[in-house]
C-alpha cells in the first residue's frame, strides 16, 4: 500500500497525522501537537486482546502460563517487526 492509497483509506487525515507524529516532535519548542502515544496504547491493547482470544480459542489444552507466554512471543517487538516486513 503506497502513501496515496493510505491517505484515501483513512478518512480522518488529522488522525493519520496524529498516528504518525512522535511525542518528541509534538512537544518540540512551543508546539503542542497531538501525538501517537494514546493511539499506541489503544492499539497495543487491541492487539493483545485479539491475540489472547485467538490463542484461547485455538489452544484449549494450554495453561494460563502457556497462554501468557504464547501471547508475549507474538506481541513482542521482534515478531511484530518481522510481520511488518512481510506486509
N, C-alpha and C. Protein backbone atom coordinates (compact mmCIF):
# COMPACT_ATOMS: atom_id res chain seq x y z
N UNK A 1 0.85 -1.17 0.00
CA UNK A 1 0.00 0.00 0.00
C UNK A 1 0.89 1.23 0.00
N UNK A 2 0.76 2.07 -1.02
CA UNK A 2 1.58 3.28 -1.04
C UNK A 2 0.89 4.41 -0.29
N UNK A 3 1.59 5.51 -0.11
CA UNK A 3 1.09 6.62 0.68
C UNK A 3 -0.24 7.17 0.20
N UNK A 4 -0.42 7.29 -1.12
CA UNK A 4 -1.67 7.85 -1.62
C UNK A 4 -2.84 6.93 -1.30
N UNK A 5 -2.65 5.63 -1.39
CA UNK A 5 -3.71 4.71 -1.02
C UNK A 5 -4.03 4.80 0.46
N UNK A 6 -3.01 4.94 1.30
CA UNK A 6 -3.22 5.07 2.73
C UNK A 6 -4.04 6.31 3.04
N UNK A 7 -3.73 7.41 2.37
CA UNK A 7 -4.48 8.64 2.60
C UNK A 7 -5.93 8.50 2.18
N UNK A 8 -6.21 7.75 1.14
CA UNK A 8 -7.59 7.53 0.71
C UNK A 8 -8.32 6.60 1.67
N UNK A 9 -7.61 5.64 2.22
CA UNK A 9 -8.22 4.65 3.11
C UNK A 9 -8.58 5.27 4.45
N UNK A 10 -7.76 6.18 4.95
CA UNK A 10 -8.01 6.81 6.25
C UNK A 10 -8.78 8.10 6.00
N UNK A 11 -10.01 8.13 6.47
CA UNK A 11 -10.88 9.28 6.20
C UNK A 11 -10.50 10.51 7.01
N UNK A 12 -10.04 10.32 8.23
CA UNK A 12 -9.70 11.45 9.10
C UNK A 12 -8.20 11.72 9.00
N UNK A 13 -7.83 12.69 8.19
CA UNK A 13 -6.42 13.00 7.96
C UNK A 13 -5.73 13.50 9.23
N UNK A 14 -6.48 14.14 10.14
CA UNK A 14 -5.90 14.57 11.41
C UNK A 14 -5.50 13.36 12.25
N UNK A 15 -6.30 12.31 12.20
CA UNK A 15 -5.97 11.08 12.92
C UNK A 15 -4.73 10.42 12.33
N UNK A 16 -4.62 10.44 11.02
CA UNK A 16 -3.42 9.90 10.36
C UNK A 16 -2.19 10.68 10.80
N UNK A 17 -2.29 12.01 10.81
CA UNK A 17 -1.17 12.85 11.24
C UNK A 17 -0.79 12.54 12.68
N UNK A 18 -1.79 12.39 13.54
CA UNK A 18 -1.53 12.07 14.95
C UNK A 18 -0.84 10.72 15.07
N UNK A 19 -1.32 9.73 14.33
CA UNK A 19 -0.74 8.39 14.40
C UNK A 19 0.72 8.37 13.99
N UNK A 20 1.10 9.27 13.09
CA UNK A 20 2.46 9.29 12.57
C UNK A 20 3.36 10.32 13.25
N UNK A 21 2.85 11.00 14.28
CA UNK A 21 3.62 12.03 14.98
C UNK A 21 4.15 11.51 16.31
N UNK A 22 5.47 11.46 16.44
CA UNK A 22 6.10 11.01 17.69
C UNK A 22 6.02 12.11 18.73
N UNK A 23 5.91 11.73 19.99
CA UNK A 23 5.75 12.72 21.07
C UNK A 23 6.93 13.68 21.16
N UNK A 24 8.13 13.21 20.84
CA UNK A 24 9.30 14.10 20.91
C UNK A 24 9.19 15.23 19.89
N UNK A 25 8.58 14.96 18.76
CA UNK A 25 8.36 16.00 17.75
C UNK A 25 7.21 16.91 18.14
N UNK A 26 6.13 16.33 18.65
CA UNK A 26 4.94 17.10 19.00
C UNK A 26 5.23 18.10 20.11
N UNK A 27 6.14 17.79 21.00
CA UNK A 27 6.44 18.65 22.14
C UNK A 27 7.68 19.52 21.93
N UNK A 28 8.20 19.54 20.71
CA UNK A 28 9.41 20.30 20.40
C UNK A 28 9.09 21.80 20.36
N UNK A 29 9.90 22.59 21.02
CA UNK A 29 9.70 24.04 21.01
C UNK A 29 8.40 24.44 21.67
N UNK A 30 7.69 25.35 21.04
CA UNK A 30 6.43 25.84 21.59
C UNK A 30 5.22 25.09 21.03
N UNK A 31 5.50 24.15 20.17
CA UNK A 31 4.45 23.37 19.53
C UNK A 31 3.80 22.42 20.52
N UNK A 32 2.51 22.28 20.51
CA UNK A 32 1.81 21.29 21.33
C UNK A 32 0.83 20.56 20.41
N UNK A 33 1.36 19.68 19.59
CA UNK A 33 0.54 18.94 18.64
C UNK A 33 0.14 17.60 19.23
N UNK A 34 -0.95 17.07 18.70
CA UNK A 34 -1.37 15.72 19.09
C UNK A 34 -0.32 14.74 18.61
N UNK A 35 -0.05 13.72 19.42
CA UNK A 35 0.94 12.71 19.04
C UNK A 35 0.35 11.32 19.23
N UNK A 36 1.16 10.31 18.96
CA UNK A 36 0.67 8.95 18.83
C UNK A 36 0.61 8.11 20.10
N UNK A 37 0.99 8.63 21.26
CA UNK A 37 1.08 7.77 22.45
C UNK A 37 -0.26 7.17 22.87
N UNK A 38 -1.33 7.95 22.85
CA UNK A 38 -2.63 7.40 23.24
C UNK A 38 -3.11 6.37 22.22
N UNK A 39 -2.88 6.65 20.94
CA UNK A 39 -3.26 5.68 19.91
C UNK A 39 -2.42 4.41 20.03
N UNK A 40 -1.15 4.56 20.36
CA UNK A 40 -0.27 3.41 20.56
C UNK A 40 -0.79 2.54 21.71
N UNK A 41 -1.20 3.18 22.79
CA UNK A 41 -1.75 2.46 23.94
C UNK A 41 -2.99 1.67 23.53
N UNK A 42 -3.89 2.33 22.80
CA UNK A 42 -5.11 1.67 22.36
C UNK A 42 -4.79 0.51 21.41
N UNK A 43 -3.90 0.75 20.46
CA UNK A 43 -3.53 -0.30 19.51
C UNK A 43 -2.89 -1.50 20.18
N UNK A 44 -2.01 -1.25 21.14
CA UNK A 44 -1.38 -2.35 21.88
C UNK A 44 -2.42 -3.18 22.61
N UNK A 45 -3.41 -2.50 23.20
CA UNK A 45 -4.46 -3.20 23.94
C UNK A 45 -5.32 -4.05 23.01
N UNK A 46 -5.68 -3.49 21.86
CA UNK A 46 -6.49 -4.23 20.89
C UNK A 46 -5.72 -5.44 20.37
N UNK A 47 -4.45 -5.25 20.05
CA UNK A 47 -3.62 -6.36 19.56
C UNK A 47 -3.54 -7.47 20.59
N UNK A 48 -3.31 -7.12 21.85
CA UNK A 48 -3.23 -8.13 22.90
C UNK A 48 -4.56 -8.87 23.04
N UNK A 49 -5.67 -8.16 22.95
CA UNK A 49 -6.98 -8.80 23.05
C UNK A 49 -7.20 -9.79 21.92
N UNK A 50 -6.89 -9.39 20.70
CA UNK A 50 -7.10 -10.25 19.54
C UNK A 50 -6.21 -11.50 19.63
N UNK A 51 -4.95 -11.32 19.99
CA UNK A 51 -4.03 -12.45 20.11
C UNK A 51 -4.46 -13.37 21.25
N UNK A 52 -4.86 -12.79 22.37
CA UNK A 52 -5.32 -13.58 23.51
C UNK A 52 -6.52 -14.43 23.14
N UNK A 53 -7.50 -13.83 22.46
CA UNK A 53 -8.70 -14.57 22.07
C UNK A 53 -8.35 -15.70 21.10
N UNK A 54 -7.47 -15.42 20.13
CA UNK A 54 -7.10 -16.45 19.17
C UNK A 54 -6.39 -17.61 19.87
N UNK A 55 -5.42 -17.30 20.72
CA UNK A 55 -4.70 -18.36 21.44
C UNK A 55 -5.65 -19.17 22.32
N UNK A 56 -6.55 -18.50 23.01
CA UNK A 56 -7.51 -19.16 23.89
C UNK A 56 -8.40 -20.11 23.09
N UNK A 57 -8.89 -19.65 21.95
CA UNK A 57 -9.79 -20.46 21.13
C UNK A 57 -9.08 -21.62 20.43
N UNK A 58 -7.80 -21.49 20.12
CA UNK A 58 -7.09 -22.50 19.33
C UNK A 58 -6.15 -23.39 20.13
N UNK A 59 -6.07 -23.20 21.43
CA UNK A 59 -5.17 -23.99 22.27
C UNK A 59 -5.86 -24.36 23.57
N UNK A 60 -6.89 -25.17 23.47
CA UNK A 60 -7.75 -25.46 24.63
C UNK A 60 -7.02 -26.21 25.74
N UNK A 61 -5.90 -26.83 25.45
CA UNK A 61 -5.17 -27.58 26.46
C UNK A 61 -4.10 -26.75 27.17
N UNK A 62 -3.85 -25.55 26.70
CA UNK A 62 -2.81 -24.72 27.28
C UNK A 62 -3.22 -24.18 28.64
N UNK A 63 -2.25 -24.08 29.53
CA UNK A 63 -2.47 -23.47 30.84
C UNK A 63 -2.43 -21.94 30.69
N UNK A 64 -2.79 -21.25 31.76
CA UNK A 64 -2.71 -19.79 31.75
C UNK A 64 -1.29 -19.32 31.45
N UNK A 65 -0.32 -20.00 32.05
CA UNK A 65 1.08 -19.64 31.81
C UNK A 65 1.49 -19.82 30.36
N UNK A 66 1.05 -20.92 29.75
CA UNK A 66 1.37 -21.15 28.34
C UNK A 66 0.71 -20.10 27.45
N UNK A 67 -0.53 -19.75 27.78
CA UNK A 67 -1.22 -18.71 27.01
C UNK A 67 -0.48 -17.38 27.12
N UNK A 68 -0.05 -17.04 28.33
CA UNK A 68 0.69 -15.79 28.54
C UNK A 68 2.01 -15.78 27.78
N UNK A 69 2.73 -16.91 27.82
CA UNK A 69 4.00 -17.00 27.10
C UNK A 69 3.78 -16.92 25.59
N UNK A 70 2.75 -17.58 25.11
CA UNK A 70 2.44 -17.53 23.68
C UNK A 70 2.11 -16.12 23.23
N UNK A 71 1.29 -15.44 24.02
CA UNK A 71 0.93 -14.06 23.68
C UNK A 71 2.17 -13.16 23.69
N UNK A 72 3.01 -13.31 24.70
CA UNK A 72 4.22 -12.49 24.80
C UNK A 72 5.13 -12.71 23.58
N UNK A 73 5.21 -13.95 23.12
CA UNK A 73 6.06 -14.26 21.97
C UNK A 73 5.51 -13.63 20.69
N UNK A 74 4.19 -13.52 20.60
CA UNK A 74 3.58 -12.97 19.39
C UNK A 74 3.61 -11.45 19.37
N UNK A 75 3.34 -10.82 20.50
CA UNK A 75 3.23 -9.35 20.51
C UNK A 75 4.56 -8.65 20.82
N UNK A 76 5.65 -9.40 20.88
CA UNK A 76 6.95 -8.77 21.15
C UNK A 76 7.41 -7.98 19.93
N UNK A 77 8.29 -7.03 20.16
CA UNK A 77 8.76 -6.13 19.11
C UNK A 77 9.37 -6.88 17.93
N UNK A 78 10.18 -7.89 18.20
CA UNK A 78 10.86 -8.62 17.12
C UNK A 78 9.86 -9.33 16.21
N UNK A 79 8.86 -9.98 16.79
CA UNK A 79 7.86 -10.69 15.99
C UNK A 79 7.02 -9.72 15.18
N UNK A 80 6.62 -8.61 15.80
CA UNK A 80 5.82 -7.62 15.08
C UNK A 80 6.61 -6.94 13.98
N UNK A 81 7.91 -6.71 14.21
CA UNK A 81 8.76 -6.11 13.17
C UNK A 81 8.87 -7.05 11.97
N UNK A 82 9.04 -8.33 12.24
CA UNK A 82 9.12 -9.31 11.15
C UNK A 82 7.81 -9.37 10.39
N UNK A 83 6.70 -9.35 11.11
CA UNK A 83 5.38 -9.37 10.46
C UNK A 83 5.20 -8.12 9.59
N UNK A 84 5.65 -6.98 10.08
CA UNK A 84 5.52 -5.73 9.32
C UNK A 84 6.32 -5.79 8.02
N UNK A 85 7.47 -6.42 8.06
CA UNK A 85 8.29 -6.54 6.85
C UNK A 85 7.61 -7.40 5.80
N UNK A 86 6.73 -8.29 6.23
CA UNK A 86 6.05 -9.19 5.31
C UNK A 86 4.72 -8.64 4.79
N UNK A 87 4.38 -7.42 5.17
CA UNK A 87 3.12 -6.81 4.69
C UNK A 87 3.24 -6.43 3.24
